[in-house]
Amino acid sequence: MGLSEIVDGHIKELLNQEQLLYDTRIAVCRDCKLITKDKVLGEICDRKKWFDLNTGAVSLVRIDGYINGCGCRLSAKARIPEATCPLRKW
């Protein structure tokens, strides 16, 4: 995802656009073990967490075969139609 898409997501967030897309995606994210609530940034896909798609295990250290969070603010990213979840859940 490039800078223009990131800016677009933040603009859509500020203007409350793509709300249906956001609602659908954030429901998936809120069930995910990679989500973290940051006091300043809100809900983020935590780049410090690693997830094993086969077992559902989570690690705070890198393990081969695990996928880490992207670090994005979900309130913005989930509004970008072209954006994807690092776990391919959307």
C-alpha atoms as a PDB file:
ATOM      1  CA  MET A   1       0.000   0.000   0.000  1.00  0.00           C
ATOM      2  CA  GLY A   2       1.450   3.310  -1.081  1.00  0.00           C
ATOM      3  CA  LEU A   3       1.398   6.733   0.504  1.00  0.00           C
ATOM      4  CA  SER A   4      -1.505   7.940  -1.650  1.00  0.00           C
ATOM      5  CA  GLU A   5      -3.692   5.036  -0.473  1.00  0.00           C
ATOM      6  CA  ILE A   6      -2.788   5.730   3.158  1.00  0.00           C
ATOM      7  CA  VAL A   7      -3.688   9.403   2.774  1.00  0.00           C
ATOM      8  CA  ASP A   8      -6.909   8.401   1.001  1.00  0.00           C
ATOM      9  CA  GLY A   9      -7.841   6.137   3.916  1.00  0.00           C
ATOM     10  CA  HIS A  10      -7.310   8.924   6.432  1.00  0.00           C
ATOM     11  CA  ILE A  11      -9.380  11.343   4.350  1.00  0.00           C
ATOM     12  CA  LYS A  12     -12.183   8.765   4.099  1.00  0.00           C
ATOM     13  CA  GLU A  13     -11.980   8.301   7.850  1.00  0.00           C
ATOM     14  CA  LEU A  14     -12.249  12.041   8.499  1.00  0.00           C
ATOM     15  CA  LEU A  15     -15.172  12.377   6.079  1.00  0.00           C
ATOM     16  CA  ASN A  16     -16.807   9.200   7.399  1.00  0.00           C
ATOM     17  CA  GLN A  17     -16.788   7.629   3.916  1.00  0.00           C
ATOM     18  CA  GLU A  18     -16.865   3.924   3.014  1.00  0.00           C
ATOM     19  CA  GLN A  19     -18.720   3.240   6.279  1.00  0.00           C
ATOM     20  CA  LEU A  20     -20.302  -0.045   5.134  1.00  0.00           C
ATOM     21  CA  LEU A  21     -16.929  -1.364   3.969  1.00  0.00           C
ATOM     22  CA  TYR A  22     -15.372  -0.272   7.261  1.00  0.00           C
ATOM     23  CA  ASP A  23     -18.141  -1.869   9.360  1.00  0.00           C
ATOM     24  CA  THR A  24     -17.782  -5.177   7.531  1.00  0.00           C
ATOM     25  CA  ARG A  25     -14.002  -5.270   7.797  1.00  0.00           C
ATOM     26  CA  ILE A  26     -13.661  -4.000  11.357  1.00  0.00           C
ATOM     27  CA  ALA A  27     -16.008  -6.754  12.555  1.00  0.00           C
ATOM     28  CA  VAL A  28     -13.500  -9.279  11.162  1.00  0.00           C
ATOM     29  CA  CYS A  29     -10.565  -7.379  12.663  1.00  0.00           C
ATOM     30  CA  ARG A  30     -12.122  -7.250  16.116  1.00  0.00           C
ATOM     31  CA  ASP A  31     -12.176 -11.067  16.175  1.00  0.00           C
ATOM     32  CA  CYS A  32      -8.500 -11.238  15.173  1.00  0.00           C
ATOM     33  CA  LYS A  33      -5.645 -11.872  17.588  1.00  0.00           C
ATOM     34  CA  LEU A  34      -3.470  -9.268  15.826  1.00  0.00           C
ATOM     35  CA  ILE A  35      -5.640  -6.302  16.823  1.00  0.00           C
ATOM     36  CA  THR A  36      -4.466  -3.979  19.580  1.00  0.00           C
ATOM     37  CA  LYS A  37      -6.171  -0.902  20.990  1.00  0.00           C
ATOM     38  CA  ASP A  38      -3.732   1.973  21.236  1.00  0.00           C
ATOM     39  CA  LYS A  39      -4.712   4.913  23.451  1.00  0.00           C
ATOM     40  CA  VAL A  40      -3.634   7.424  20.790  1.00  0.00           C
ATOM     41  CA  LEU A  41      -4.008   5.598  17.470  1.00  0.00           C
ATOM     42  CA  GLY A  42      -7.105   3.523  18.199  1.00  0.00           C
ATOM     43  CA  GLU A  43      -7.403   0.006  16.804  1.00  0.00           C
ATOM     44  CA  ILE A  44      -4.284  -1.145  14.992  1.00  0.00           C
ATOM     45  CA  CYS A  45      -3.127  -4.313  13.298  1.00  0.00           C
ATOM     46  CA  ASP A  46      -0.223  -4.873  15.674  1.00  0.00           C
ATOM     47  CA  ARG A  47       3.107  -5.194  13.877  1.00  0.00           C
ATOM     48  CA  LYS A  48       4.633  -6.640  17.084  1.00  0.00           C
ATOM     49  CA  LYS A  49       2.386  -9.711  16.988  1.00  0.00           C
ATOM     50  CA  TRP A  50       2.951 -12.778  14.819  1.00  0.00           C
ATOM     51  CA  PHE A  51       0.177 -15.241  13.918  1.00  0.00           C
ATOM     52  CA  ASP A  52       0.218 -18.856  12.723  1.00  0.00           C
ATOM     53  CA  LEU A  53      -2.656 -19.436  10.277  1.00  0.00           C
ATOM     54  CA  ASN A  54      -2.519 -23.205  10.834  1.00  0.00           C
ATOM     55  CA  THR A  55      -2.711 -23.305  14.630  1.00  0.00           C
ATOM     56  CA  GLY A  56      -4.035 -19.863  15.608  1.00  0.00           C
ATOM     57  CA  ALA A  57      -1.028 -19.371  17.862  1.00  0.00           C
ATOM     58  CA  VAL A  58       0.271 -15.855  18.508  1.00  0.00           C
ATOM     59  CA  SER A  59       3.844 -14.893  19.268  1.00  0.00           C
ATOM     60  CA  LEU A  60       5.523 -11.644  20.241  1.00  0.00           C
ATOM     61  CA  VAL A  61       8.714 -12.769  18.494  1.00  0.00           C
ATOM     62  CA  ARG A  62       9.206 -13.656  14.853  1.00  0.00           C
ATOM     63  CA  ILE A  63       8.761 -17.334  14.047  1.00  0.00           C
ATOM     64  CA  ASP A  64       9.175 -18.819  10.576  1.00  0.00           C
ATOM     65  CA  GLY A  65       5.789 -19.372   8.958  1.00  0.00           C
ATOM     66  CA  TYR A  66       4.000 -16.827  11.166  1.00  0.00           C
ATOM     67  CA  ILE A  67       2.595 -13.611   9.679  1.00  0.00           C
ATOM     68  CA  ASN A  68       2.889 -10.318  11.515  1.00  0.00           C
ATOM     69  CA  GLY A  69       0.422  -7.465  11.651  1.00  0.00           C
ATOM     70  CA  CYS A  70       0.857  -4.581   9.229  1.00  0.00           C
ATOM     71  CA  GLY A  71       0.899  -1.791  11.835  1.00  0.00           C
ATOM     72  CA  CYS A  72      -1.918   0.148  10.173  1.00  0.00           C
ATOM     73  CA  ARG A  73      -4.609   2.172  11.880  1.00  0.00           C
ATOM     74  CA  LEU A  74      -7.668   0.125  11.057  1.00  0.00           C
ATOM     75  CA  SER A  75     -10.100   3.038  11.094  1.00  0.00           C
ATOM     76  CA  ALA A  76      -8.341   4.330   7.981  1.00  0.00           C
ATOM     77  CA  LYS A  77      -7.109   1.140   6.286  1.00  0.00           C
ATOM     78  CA  ALA A  78     -10.445  -0.687   6.479  1.00  0.00           C
ATOM     79  CA  ARG A  79     -12.018   2.097   4.363  1.00  0.00           C
ATOM     80  CA  ILE A  80      -9.686   1.577   1.379  1.00  0.00           C
ATOM     81  CA  PRO A  81     -11.320  -0.827  -1.095  1.00  0.00           C
ATOM     82  CA  GLU A  82      -7.938  -1.946  -2.516  1.00  0.00           C
ATOM     83  CA  ALA A  83      -6.388  -2.602   0.913  1.00  0.00           C
ATOM     84  CA  THR A  84      -5.953  -6.158   2.136  1.00  0.00           C
ATOM     85  CA  CYS A  85      -5.540  -7.809   5.502  1.00  0.00           C
ATOM     86  CA  PRO A  86      -2.077  -9.362   6.048  1.00  0.00           C
ATOM     87  CA  LEU A  87      -3.871 -12.609   6.957  1.00  0.00           C
ATOM     88  CA  ARG A  88      -6.074 -12.327   3.818  1.00  0.00           C
ATOM     89  CA  LYS A  89      -9.249 -12.205   5.902  1.00  0.00           C
ATOM     90  CA  TRP A  90     -10.450  -9.335   3.646  1.00  0.00           C
END
